[in-house]
Every structure is written in C-alpha cells, then in structure tokens.
Amino acid sequence: MARGLFVGLTSVDIFNVVDTHPSPNQKIQARHQAVSAGGPAANAAVAFCSFGNDADLLTGIGSHPTGALAFEDLRSHGVRVLDYSAHPDKLPVLSSIMIDASNGSRCVVYRSPQGRTLCLDHRHGCPVEDYQIMLFDGYYLEQAVAVARAAHGGPITVLDGGSWKEGLEELLPFIDYAICSADFRAPGCNSTKDLLAYLENTGIRGSAVSQGAEPIIYCCEGEHFQLPVPQVEAIDTLGAGDILHGTFCHHILTNPFSRSLELAAYSASHSCLSYGTRDWIVNR
C-alpha cells in the first residue's frame, strides 16, 4: 500500500443521463442521476485509492452545505481531504453534466474556478516524507510549486496537464512525469512534438500526450513512441483523463514508464463503459 498527495481542484458534479438532449423549454426525465466530487485531482485521488492505496487531497471546498456532497463522496472512497479554502462560505465549484444516452455526447455547464485560492501558508512546508507520490493538476499553483519544490528528490511527482495555465513554468522543474491532454499547449509549442521537446528540456523524466481513443504519444530518454489504447464502445468519457492519471500514479510506483502508461490506459478506456466517474471501480 502506498500513500499519495493530490494537489488541485475539487468540484461538485451533478450528473444526468438522458435519452436525448432537451429542446429549449422542454422538461425531461433523467435515466440516471448521481452527485459526486469532481475535478482532476479529486478524481485521480479516488482512482489511486481504488487500488488499496491511501490518498490525501490538498484542495479547497469550504463549509458551504453543498460542499458536504463532495466531502462525503471522497470520504466514502477513502480519500482524506485537506481543505484549505480561502473562501469557506462561498459556493464550491459546481459542474452540471448531461449525457445523451443515444450517442454518448455531453453538455457541461460550470463556473470557472479562476480566482479561488487556498489559505495554506506554504512557508510552513509539507511533510513530503509521508508520501511516495504526488500529483498536481495545475490549480492552486502557489501552494503546488511550494509542495513540489519541497518534494524534489523525494517522492515521485506527476503533472496532470489538462490545459496550460500561467505559472506552470515554475512547477515543471520539480516534475518527474507529465501526462498532458491534446489541448495542453506550452508557450511556443504548435505540435505534440514541440510539446514533448519542451517538457524534456525542463528535465522531466517521461512525458506523454493522451488523445482520447487515438494512441498516446510519449517521450522517454529522448525517443518518441506511440501507445495504442484499448478500443471500447464508450458510453461516457467523463473523467477518463483523470482516471488515467490516478491509475498511472499507482502503477508508476512499481513499473517502468511505458508499462505504467499501458496499464493506466486500460483502466481509462474501460471506465468509458460506465456512466460517471465512480461506477467503473465496481464494474472493472
């Protein structure tokens, strides 16, 4: 059993599966509904715990009653929340997701988390010796950089690169592995090849770009490779990238980079056979 620290965003996700997306002013019944914690770091922490590991989630949720839904979901999946919201009375980040069961398409309505901060005083440091691995999703960068700097040379550090955020250049020198989406574009990078070269030049040991059902492109020791991902009849791709990152954190502790990507891609692909970001755990 390993222990990991996941630093980043937590939202409250309200999830509906419908027969088809509604027309304007139309009321429809949901085929399936769920409420859970969401966000890249939160979903990755749940995935990591699903393998019997322990996960701490350094995030901001607050004391608003709606946030209790996220707390309970995370607790039920074994995640310990370290809540340092600087806006404790504020409504947490909410996302409303609607999945069309007829074709798997989805609509997402959310409020940007931009401007939210943590009240954790990063000068007090972080007990990095308690962890074997850490994941950062690019949110709360002030604290993320401080924690990653303290961890440098100790636990493995992983970046979930969903999209480029200003200030990430300060975090990258302390990252061992970066797994980015096809939407992640560092300054001056116009292609996947450019991005992998950029990440390698920061000292990252292994980097990869996921492309949905297309092969993962990854770089290790200066060479580029393609990793085919398992092909499934997906009904919902929500959170698949987060699951990829969380399961990678589990596998990289005992496997080489390429094998860890392969095993993580398997979990991520098969999560698309279930609705939401939790059912895949019991269905695998």
C-alpha atoms as a PDB file:
ATOM      1  CA  MET A   1       0.000   0.000   0.000  1.00  0.00           C
ATOM      2  CA  ALA A   2       1.296   3.443  -0.947  1.00  0.00           C
ATOM      3  CA  ARG A   3       0.359   6.941   0.112  1.00  0.00           C
ATOM      4  CA  GLY A   4      -0.099   9.793  -2.327  1.00  0.00           C
ATOM      5  CA  LEU A   5      -0.764  13.518  -2.150  1.00  0.00           C
ATOM      6  CA  PHE A   6      -3.045  15.038  -4.787  1.00  0.00           C
ATOM      7  CA  VAL A   7      -2.961  18.826  -5.087  1.00  0.00           C
ATOM      8  CA  GLY A   8      -5.629  20.640  -7.027  1.00  0.00           C
ATOM      9  CA  LEU A   9      -9.252  21.251  -7.832  1.00  0.00           C
ATOM     10  CA  THR A  10     -12.362  19.734  -6.290  1.00  0.00           C
ATOM     11  CA  SER A  11     -15.815  20.468  -7.659  1.00  0.00           C
ATOM     12  CA  VAL A  12     -19.312  19.171  -7.003  1.00  0.00           C
ATOM     13  CA  ASP A  13     -20.526  17.352 -10.121  1.00  0.00           C
ATOM     14  CA  ILE A  14     -24.245  16.897 -10.786  1.00  0.00           C
ATOM     15  CA  PHE A  15     -24.632  14.168 -13.368  1.00  0.00           C
ATOM     16  CA  ASN A  16     -27.660  13.308 -15.529  1.00  0.00           C
ATOM     17  CA  VAL A  17     -28.074  10.644 -18.212  1.00  0.00           C
ATOM     18  CA  VAL A  18     -30.973  11.391 -20.578  1.00  0.00           C
ATOM     19  CA  ASP A  19     -32.429   9.656 -23.628  1.00  0.00           C
ATOM     20  CA  THR A  20     -31.661  12.738 -25.714  1.00  0.00           C
ATOM     21  CA  HIS A  21     -30.698  16.329 -25.021  1.00  0.00           C
ATOM     22  CA  PRO A  22     -33.753  18.511 -24.380  1.00  0.00           C
ATOM     23  CA  SER A  23     -35.071  21.150 -26.702  1.00  0.00           C
ATOM     24  CA  PRO A  24     -35.489  24.734 -25.407  1.00  0.00           C
ATOM     25  CA  ASN A  25     -38.108  24.983 -22.634  1.00  0.00           C
ATOM     26  CA  GLN A  26     -38.544  21.204 -22.553  1.00  0.00           C
ATOM     27  CA  LYS A  27     -38.664  19.183 -19.323  1.00  0.00           C
ATOM     28  CA  ILE A  28     -37.316  15.646 -19.476  1.00  0.00           C
ATOM     29  CA  GLN A  29     -36.740  12.828 -17.031  1.00  0.00           C
ATOM     30  CA  ALA A  30     -33.271  11.510 -16.322  1.00  0.00           C
ATOM     31  CA  ARG A  31     -32.484   7.858 -16.922  1.00  0.00           C
ATOM     32  CA  HIS A  32     -29.732   8.001 -14.295  1.00  0.00           C
ATOM     33  CA  GLN A  33     -28.555  10.635 -11.810  1.00  0.00           C
ATOM     34  CA  ALA A  34     -25.581  10.995  -9.491  1.00  0.00           C
ATOM     35  CA  VAL A  35     -23.786  13.620  -7.437  1.00  0.00           C
ATOM     36  CA  SER A  36     -20.095  13.256  -6.707  1.00  0.00           C
ATOM     37  CA  ALA A  37     -16.897  15.158  -6.181  1.00  0.00           C
ATOM     38  CA  GLY A  38     -15.216  16.109  -9.430  1.00  0.00           C
ATOM     39  CA  GLY A  39     -12.102  17.873 -10.594  1.00  0.00           C
ATOM     40  CA  PRO A  40      -8.852  16.433 -11.943  1.00  0.00           C
ATOM     41  CA  ALA A  41      -7.030  15.975  -8.631  1.00  0.00           C
ATOM     42  CA  ALA A  42     -10.113  14.681  -6.804  1.00  0.00           C
ATOM     43  CA  ASN A  43     -10.966  12.068  -9.433  1.00  0.00           C
ATOM     44  CA  ALA A  44      -7.329  10.988  -9.661  1.00  0.00           C
ATOM     45  CA  ALA A  45      -7.189  10.552  -5.870  1.00  0.00           C
ATOM     46  CA  VAL A  46     -10.264   8.310  -5.958  1.00  0.00           C
ATOM     47  CA  ALA A  47      -8.726   6.207  -8.739  1.00  0.00           C
ATOM     48  CA  PHE A  48      -5.487   5.878  -6.750  1.00  0.00           C
ATOM     49  CA  CYS A  49      -7.412   4.745  -3.655  1.00  0.00           C
ATOM     50  CA  SER A  50      -9.319   2.146  -5.679  1.00  0.00           C
ATOM     51  CA  PHE A  51      -6.128   0.054  -5.766  1.00  0.00           C
ATOM     52  CA  GLY A  52      -5.914  -0.061  -1.979  1.00  0.00           C
ATOM     53  CA  ASN A  53      -3.691   2.989  -1.578  1.00  0.00           C
ATOM     54  CA  ASP A  54      -4.109   5.977   0.728  1.00  0.00           C
ATOM     55  CA  ALA A  55      -4.629   9.439  -0.737  1.00  0.00           C
ATOM     56  CA  ASP A  56      -4.632  12.920   0.755  1.00  0.00           C
ATOM     57  CA  LEU A  57      -6.294  15.633  -1.326  1.00  0.00           C
ATOM     58  CA  LEU A  58      -4.964  19.155  -0.795  1.00  0.00           C
ATOM     59  CA  THR A  59      -7.747  21.350  -2.120  1.00  0.00           C
ATOM     60  CA  GLY A  60     -10.362  23.971  -1.361  1.00  0.00           C
ATOM     61  CA  ILE A  61     -14.002  23.027  -0.789  1.00  0.00           C
ATOM     62  CA  GLY A  62     -15.179  25.171   2.128  1.00  0.00           C
ATOM     63  CA  SER A  63     -18.049  24.954   4.585  1.00  0.00           C
ATOM     64  CA  HIS A  64     -20.978  25.740   2.270  1.00  0.00           C
ATOM     65  CA  PRO A  65     -23.622  22.975   2.671  1.00  0.00           C
ATOM     66  CA  THR A  66     -23.241  21.975  -0.983  1.00  0.00           C
ATOM     67  CA  GLY A  67     -19.607  21.108  -0.338  1.00  0.00           C
ATOM     68  CA  ALA A  68     -20.700  18.358   2.055  1.00  0.00           C
ATOM     69  CA  LEU A  69     -21.681  16.305  -1.004  1.00  0.00           C
ATOM     70  CA  ALA A  70     -18.061  16.319  -2.191  1.00  0.00           C
ATOM     71  CA  PHE A  71     -16.685  15.589   1.273  1.00  0.00           C
ATOM     72  CA  GLU A  72     -18.939  12.561   1.693  1.00  0.00           C
ATOM     73  CA  ASP A  73     -18.197  11.120  -1.735  1.00  0.00           C
ATOM     74  CA  LEU A  74     -14.443  11.453  -1.235  1.00  0.00           C
ATOM     75  CA  ARG A  75     -14.599  10.002   2.285  1.00  0.00           C
ATOM     76  CA  SER A  76     -16.605   7.020   1.058  1.00  0.00           C
ATOM     77  CA  HIS A  77     -13.831   6.247  -1.453  1.00  0.00           C
ATOM     78  CA  GLY A  78     -11.037   6.503   1.095  1.00  0.00           C
ATOM     79  CA  VAL A  79      -9.720   9.972   0.256  1.00  0.00           C
ATOM     80  CA  ARG A  80      -8.674  12.216   3.153  1.00  0.00           C
ATOM     81  CA  VAL A  81      -9.458  15.854   2.361  1.00  0.00           C
ATOM     82  CA  LEU A  82      -7.074  18.609   3.442  1.00  0.00           C
ATOM     83  CA  ASP A  83      -9.404  21.565   2.947  1.00  0.00           C
ATOM     84  CA  TYR A  84      -7.692  24.956   2.939  1.00  0.00           C
ATOM     85  CA  SER A  85     -10.285  27.012   1.098  1.00  0.00           C
ATOM     86  CA  ALA A  86      -9.693  30.740   1.419  1.00  0.00           C
ATOM     87  CA  HIS A  87     -13.406  31.240   0.679  1.00  0.00           C
ATOM     88  CA  PRO A  88     -15.074  28.801   3.119  1.00  0.00           C
ATOM     89  CA  ASP A  89     -18.560  30.354   2.911  1.00  0.00           C
ATOM     90  CA  LYS A  90     -18.580  30.525  -0.875  1.00  0.00           C
ATOM     91  CA  LEU A  91     -20.484  28.044  -3.032  1.00  0.00           C
ATOM     92  CA  PRO A  92     -17.977  25.405  -4.179  1.00  0.00           C
ATOM     93  CA  VAL A  93     -17.180  24.956  -7.850  1.00  0.00           C
ATOM     94  CA  LEU A  94     -20.219  23.309  -9.446  1.00  0.00           C
ATOM     95  CA  SER A  95     -20.488  21.397 -12.700  1.00  0.00           C
ATOM     96  CA  SER A  96     -23.723  20.178 -14.251  1.00  0.00           C
ATOM     97  CA  ILE A  97     -23.191  17.355 -16.745  1.00  0.00           C
ATOM     98  CA  MET A  98     -25.790  15.912 -19.106  1.00  0.00           C
ATOM     99  CA  ILE A  99     -25.056  12.753 -21.117  1.00  0.00           C
ATOM    100  CA  ASP A 100     -27.134  11.819 -24.158  1.00  0.00           C
ATOM    101  CA  ALA A 101     -27.537   8.033 -23.868  1.00  0.00           C
ATOM    102  CA  SER A 102     -28.315   7.707 -27.570  1.00  0.00           C
ATOM    103  CA  ASN A 103     -24.867   8.782 -28.737  1.00  0.00           C
ATOM    104  CA  GLY A 104     -22.692   9.459 -25.678  1.00  0.00           C
ATOM    105  CA  SER A 105     -22.418  13.216 -26.325  1.00  0.00           C
ATOM    106  CA  ARG A 106     -22.444  15.504 -23.332  1.00  0.00           C
ATOM    107  CA  CYS A 107     -23.135  19.071 -22.282  1.00  0.00           C
ATOM    108  CA  VAL A 108     -21.300  20.617 -19.332  1.00  0.00           C
ATOM    109  CA  VAL A 109     -22.205  23.832 -17.523  1.00  0.00           C
ATOM    110  CA  TYR A 110     -19.732  25.076 -14.937  1.00  0.00           C
ATOM    111  CA  ARG A 111     -18.361  28.168 -13.219  1.00  0.00           C
ATOM    112  CA  SER A 112     -14.666  28.799 -13.688  1.00  0.00           C
ATOM    113  CA  PRO A 113     -12.551  28.232 -10.553  1.00  0.00           C
ATOM    114  CA  GLN A 114     -10.295  31.113 -11.576  1.00  0.00           C
ATOM    115  CA  GLY A 115      -9.589  33.422  -8.651  1.00  0.00           C
ATOM    116  CA  ARG A 116     -10.107  30.798  -5.954  1.00  0.00           C
ATOM    117  CA  THR A 117      -7.185  30.425  -3.584  1.00  0.00           C
ATOM    118  CA  LEU A 118      -6.053  28.381  -0.604  1.00  0.00           C
ATOM    119  CA  CYS A 119      -5.241  29.816   2.811  1.00  0.00           C
ATOM    120  CA  LEU A 120      -2.490  27.255   3.466  1.00  0.00           C
ATOM    121  CA  ASP A 121       0.716  29.081   4.380  1.00  0.00           C
ATOM    122  CA  HIS A 122       3.190  27.392   2.055  1.00  0.00           C
ATOM    123  CA  ARG A 123       6.096  28.689   4.169  1.00  0.00           C
ATOM    124  CA  HIS A 124       5.243  26.043   6.750  1.00  0.00           C
ATOM    125  CA  GLY A 125       6.201  23.395   4.201  1.00  0.00           C
ATOM    126  CA  CYS A 126       4.673  19.959   3.665  1.00  0.00           C
ATOM    127  CA  PRO A 127       5.587  16.613   5.264  1.00  0.00           C
ATOM    128  CA  VAL A 128       6.801  15.218   1.952  1.00  0.00           C
ATOM    129  CA  GLU A 129       8.382  12.225   3.667  1.00  0.00           C
ATOM    130  CA  ASP A 130       4.863  10.890   4.281  1.00  0.00           C
ATOM    131  CA  TYR A 131       4.254  10.287   0.572  1.00  0.00           C
ATOM    132  CA  GLN A 132       5.608   8.061  -2.164  1.00  0.00           C
ATOM    133  CA  ILE A 133       3.954  10.008  -4.977  1.00  0.00           C
ATOM    134  CA  MET A 134       2.352  13.400  -5.607  1.00  0.00           C
ATOM    135  CA  LEU A 135       0.104  14.634  -8.393  1.00  0.00           C
ATOM    136  CA  PHE A 136      -0.520  18.265  -9.361  1.00  0.00           C
ATOM    137  CA  ASP A 137      -3.323  19.329 -11.711  1.00  0.00           C
ATOM    138  CA  GLY A 138      -2.189  22.926 -12.250  1.00  0.00           C
ATOM    139  CA  TYR A 139      -4.640  24.631  -9.895  1.00  0.00           C
ATOM    140  CA  TYR A 140      -3.590  26.469  -6.704  1.00  0.00           C
ATOM    141  CA  LEU A 141      -0.165  26.965  -8.238  1.00  0.00           C
ATOM    142  CA  GLU A 142       1.367  28.945  -5.378  1.00  0.00           C
ATOM    143  CA  GLN A 143       0.934  26.030  -2.983  1.00  0.00           C
ATOM    144  CA  ALA A 144       1.622  23.443  -5.693  1.00  0.00           C
ATOM    145  CA  VAL A 145       5.022  24.937  -6.507  1.00  0.00           C
ATOM    146  CA  ALA A 146       5.960  25.125  -2.821  1.00  0.00           C
ATOM    147  CA  VAL A 147       4.970  21.500  -2.197  1.00  0.00           C
ATOM    148  CA  ALA A 148       6.682  20.247  -5.372  1.00  0.00           C
ATOM    149  CA  ARG A 149       9.859  22.142  -4.512  1.00  0.00           C
ATOM    150  CA  ALA A 150       9.912  20.571  -1.051  1.00  0.00           C
ATOM    151  CA  ALA A 151       9.327  17.138  -2.589  1.00  0.00           C
ATOM    152  CA  HIS A 152      12.104  17.468  -5.167  1.00  0.00           C
ATOM    153  CA  GLY A 153      14.367  14.435  -4.990  1.00  0.00           C
ATOM    154  CA  GLY A 154      11.934  12.570  -2.736  1.00  0.00           C
ATOM    155  CA  PRO A 155       8.516  11.243  -3.777  1.00  0.00           C
ATOM    156  CA  ILE A 156       7.668  10.847  -7.457  1.00  0.00           C
ATOM    157  CA  THR A 157       5.894  13.916  -8.834  1.00  0.00           C
ATOM    158  CA  VAL A 158       3.317  13.820 -11.643  1.00  0.00           C
ATOM    159  CA  LEU A 159       1.683  16.624 -13.616  1.00  0.00           C
ATOM    160  CA  ASP A 160      -1.862  16.288 -14.930  1.00  0.00           C
ATOM    161  CA  GLY A 161      -1.584  18.697 -17.852  1.00  0.00           C
ATOM    162  CA  GLY A 162      -5.168  19.394 -18.831  1.00  0.00           C
ATOM    163  CA  SER A 163      -4.531  22.880 -20.196  1.00  0.00           C
ATOM    164  CA  TRP A 164      -1.689  25.351 -19.947  1.00  0.00           C
ATOM    165  CA  LYS A 165      -2.009  27.756 -17.019  1.00  0.00           C
ATOM    166  CA  GLU A 166       0.096  30.812 -16.375  1.00  0.00           C
ATOM    167  CA  GLY A 167       2.742  29.965 -13.785  1.00  0.00           C
ATOM    168  CA  LEU A 168       3.145  26.307 -14.739  1.00  0.00           C
ATOM    169  CA  GLU A 169       6.676  27.063 -15.908  1.00  0.00           C
ATOM    170  CA  GLU A 170       7.582  27.438 -12.214  1.00  0.00           C
ATOM    171  CA  LEU A 171       6.196  23.987 -11.395  1.00  0.00           C
ATOM    172  CA  LEU A 172       7.707  21.991 -14.269  1.00  0.00           C
ATOM    173  CA  PRO A 173      11.306  21.858 -12.969  1.00  0.00           C
ATOM    174  CA  PHE A 174      10.054  19.835  -9.993  1.00  0.00           C
ATOM    175  CA  ILE A 175       8.016  17.325 -12.026  1.00  0.00           C
ATOM    176  CA  ASP A 176       9.198  13.787 -12.827  1.00  0.00           C
ATOM    177  CA  TYR A 177       6.390  12.723 -15.188  1.00  0.00           C
ATOM    178  CA  ALA A 178       3.902  14.800 -17.172  1.00  0.00           C
ATOM    179  CA  ILE A 179       0.797  13.374 -18.817  1.00  0.00           C
ATOM    180  CA  CYS A 180      -0.938  16.032 -20.863  1.00  0.00           C
ATOM    181  CA  SER A 181      -4.077  16.270 -22.938  1.00  0.00           C
ATOM    182  CA  ALA A 182      -4.071  17.180 -26.608  1.00  0.00           C
ATOM    183  CA  ASP A 183      -5.308  20.641 -25.529  1.00  0.00           C
ATOM    184  CA  PHE A 184      -2.184  21.326 -23.446  1.00  0.00           C
ATOM    185  CA  ARG A 185      -0.059  23.876 -25.296  1.00  0.00           C
ATOM    186  CA  ALA A 186       3.014  25.346 -23.637  1.00  0.00           C
ATOM    187  CA  PRO A 187       4.292  28.708 -24.928  1.00  0.00           C
ATOM    188  CA  GLY A 188       5.801  28.383 -28.390  1.00  0.00           C
ATOM    189  CA  CYS A 189       4.562  24.819 -28.902  1.00  0.00           C
ATOM    190  CA  ASN A 190       2.500  24.233 -32.032  1.00  0.00           C
ATOM    191  CA  SER A 191       2.561  20.444 -32.147  1.00  0.00           C
ATOM    192  CA  THR A 192       2.819  17.386 -29.941  1.00  0.00           C
ATOM    193  CA  LYS A 193       6.461  17.040 -30.983  1.00  0.00           C
ATOM    194  CA  ASP A 194       7.143  20.619 -29.847  1.00  0.00           C
ATOM    195  CA  LEU A 195       5.438  19.989 -26.516  1.00  0.00           C
ATOM    196  CA  LEU A 196       7.320  16.788 -25.753  1.00  0.00           C
ATOM    197  CA  ALA A 197      10.612  18.517 -26.566  1.00  0.00           C
ATOM    198  CA  TYR A 198       9.649  21.475 -24.344  1.00  0.00           C
ATOM    199  CA  LEU A 199       8.830  19.181 -21.419  1.00  0.00           C
ATOM    200  CA  GLU A 200      12.014  17.168 -21.887  1.00  0.00           C
ATOM    201  CA  ASN A 201      14.074  20.363 -21.804  1.00  0.00           C
ATOM    202  CA  THR A 202      12.676  21.174 -18.350  1.00  0.00           C
ATOM    203  CA  GLY A 203      14.224  17.963 -17.013  1.00  0.00           C
ATOM    204  CA  ILE A 204      11.068  15.829 -16.921  1.00  0.00           C
ATOM    205  CA  ARG A 205      11.937  12.107 -16.994  1.00  0.00           C
ATOM    206  CA  GLY A 206       8.941  10.991 -19.024  1.00  0.00           C
ATOM    207  CA  SER A 207       6.130  12.863 -20.771  1.00  0.00           C
ATOM    208  CA  ALA A 208       3.049  11.830 -22.710  1.00  0.00           C
ATOM    209  CA  VAL A 209       0.123  13.304 -24.606  1.00  0.00           C
ATOM    210  CA  SER A 210      -3.212  11.490 -24.489  1.00  0.00           C
ATOM    211  CA  GLN A 211      -5.588  11.839 -27.444  1.00  0.00           C
ATOM    212  CA  GLY A 212      -8.797  10.124 -26.444  1.00  0.00           C
ATOM    213  CA  ALA A 213      -9.227   6.931 -28.464  1.00  0.00           C
ATOM    214  CA  GLU A 214      -6.117   7.719 -30.522  1.00  0.00           C
ATOM    215  CA  PRO A 215      -2.683   6.403 -29.499  1.00  0.00           C
ATOM    216  CA  ILE A 216      -0.836   8.053 -26.626  1.00  0.00           C
ATOM    217  CA  ILE A 217       2.338   9.768 -27.835  1.00  0.00           C
ATOM    218  CA  TYR A 218       5.104   9.643 -25.258  1.00  0.00           C
ATOM    219  CA  CYS A 219       8.742  10.540 -24.854  1.00  0.00           C
ATOM    220  CA  CYS A 220      11.258   8.654 -22.753  1.00  0.00           C
ATOM    221  CA  GLU A 221      15.023   9.235 -22.768  1.00  0.00           C
ATOM    222  CA  GLY A 222      14.768  11.411 -25.865  1.00  0.00           C
ATOM    223  CA  GLU A 223      12.858   8.915 -28.012  1.00  0.00           C
ATOM    224  CA  HIS A 224       9.240   9.216 -29.117  1.00  0.00           C
ATOM    225  CA  PHE A 225       6.805   6.286 -29.092  1.00  0.00           C
ATOM    226  CA  GLN A 226       3.138   5.552 -29.767  1.00  0.00           C
ATOM    227  CA  LEU A 227       0.992   3.517 -27.398  1.00  0.00           C
ATOM    228  CA  PRO A 228      -2.336   2.244 -28.801  1.00  0.00           C
ATOM    229  CA  VAL A 229      -5.189   2.478 -26.314  1.00  0.00           C
ATOM    230  CA  PRO A 230      -7.836  -0.234 -25.894  1.00  0.00           C
ATOM    231  CA  GLN A 231     -10.815   0.356 -28.165  1.00  0.00           C
ATOM    232  CA  VAL A 232     -14.200   0.158 -26.431  1.00  0.00           C
ATOM    233  CA  GLU A 233     -17.787   1.125 -27.233  1.00  0.00           C
ATOM    234  CA  ALA A 234     -17.764   4.130 -24.929  1.00  0.00           C
ATOM    235  CA  ILE A 235     -20.978   5.345 -23.351  1.00  0.00           C
ATOM    236  CA  ASP A 236     -19.360   8.135 -21.307  1.00  0.00           C
ATOM    237  CA  THR A 237     -15.843   9.575 -21.439  1.00  0.00           C
ATOM    238  CA  LEU A 238     -16.297  11.924 -18.466  1.00  0.00           C
ATOM    239  CA  GLY A 239     -13.245  11.822 -16.199  1.00  0.00           C
ATOM    240  CA  ALA A 240     -11.355   9.282 -18.298  1.00  0.00           C
ATOM    241  CA  GLY A 241      -8.282  11.502 -18.324  1.00  0.00           C
ATOM    242  CA  ASP A 242      -8.409  11.901 -14.543  1.00  0.00           C
ATOM    243  CA  ILE A 243      -8.662   8.129 -14.162  1.00  0.00           C
ATOM    244  CA  LEU A 244      -5.673   7.742 -16.486  1.00  0.00           C
ATOM    245  CA  HIS A 245      -3.620   9.978 -14.189  1.00  0.00           C
ATOM    246  CA  GLY A 246      -4.770   8.396 -10.937  1.00  0.00           C
ATOM    247  CA  THR A 247      -4.108   4.844 -12.098  1.00  0.00           C
ATOM    248  CA  PHE A 248      -0.761   5.920 -13.558  1.00  0.00           C
ATOM    249  CA  CYS A 249       0.212   7.156 -10.085  1.00  0.00           C
ATOM    250  CA  HIS A 250      -0.473   3.665  -8.760  1.00  0.00           C
ATOM    251  CA  HIS A 251       1.394   1.770 -11.462  1.00  0.00           C
ATOM    252  CA  ILE A 252       4.478   4.009 -11.752  1.00  0.00           C
ATOM    253  CA  LEU A 253       5.449   3.053  -8.213  1.00  0.00           C
ATOM    254  CA  THR A 254       6.303  -0.487  -9.366  1.00  0.00           C
ATOM    255  CA  ASN A 255       6.558  -0.345 -13.172  1.00  0.00           C
ATOM    256  CA  PRO A 256       8.561   1.380 -15.923  1.00  0.00           C
ATOM    257  CA  PHE A 257       7.060   4.483 -17.528  1.00  0.00           C
ATOM    258  CA  SER A 258       5.807   2.771 -20.701  1.00  0.00           C
ATOM    259  CA  ARG A 259       4.193  -0.127 -18.825  1.00  0.00           C
ATOM    260  CA  SER A 260       2.549   2.282 -16.370  1.00  0.00           C
ATOM    261  CA  LEU A 261       1.033   4.212 -19.273  1.00  0.00           C
ATOM    262  CA  GLU A 262      -0.238   0.983 -20.807  1.00  0.00           C
ATOM    263  CA  LEU A 263      -1.916  -0.169 -17.600  1.00  0.00           C
ATOM    264  CA  ALA A 264      -3.370   3.278 -16.939  1.00  0.00           C
ATOM    265  CA  ALA A 265      -4.735   3.488 -20.492  1.00  0.00           C
ATOM    266  CA  TYR A 266      -6.518   0.178 -19.959  1.00  0.00           C
ATOM    267  CA  SER A 267      -8.291   1.491 -16.844  1.00  0.00           C
ATOM    268  CA  ALA A 268      -9.162   4.795 -18.501  1.00  0.00           C
ATOM    269  CA  SER A 269     -10.605   3.139 -21.606  1.00  0.00           C
ATOM    270  CA  HIS A 270     -12.694   0.676 -19.633  1.00  0.00           C
ATOM    271  CA  SER A 271     -14.012   3.450 -17.389  1.00  0.00           C
ATOM    272  CA  CYS A 272     -15.798   4.705 -20.515  1.00  0.00           C
ATOM    273  CA  LEU A 273     -18.060   1.634 -20.357  1.00  0.00           C
ATOM    274  CA  SER A 274     -19.729   3.047 -17.238  1.00  0.00           C
ATOM    275  CA  TYR A 275     -21.541   6.293 -16.529  1.00  0.00           C
ATOM    276  CA  GLY A 276     -19.902   8.885 -14.320  1.00  0.00           C
ATOM    277  CA  THR A 277     -16.544   8.736 -12.580  1.00  0.00           C
ATOM    278  CA  ARG A 278     -17.182   6.090  -9.921  1.00  0.00           C
ATOM    279  CA  ASP A 279     -19.102   3.120 -11.389  1.00  0.00           C
ATOM    280  CA  TRP A 280     -16.024   1.902 -13.303  1.00  0.00           C
ATOM    281  CA  ILE A 281     -14.450   0.917  -9.978  1.00  0.00           C
ATOM    282  CA  VAL A 282     -17.103  -1.686  -9.172  1.00  0.00           C
ATOM    283  CA  ASN A 283     -17.548  -2.721 -12.814  1.00  0.00           C
ATOM    284  CA  ARG A 284     -13.906  -3.463 -13.628  1.00  0.00           C
END
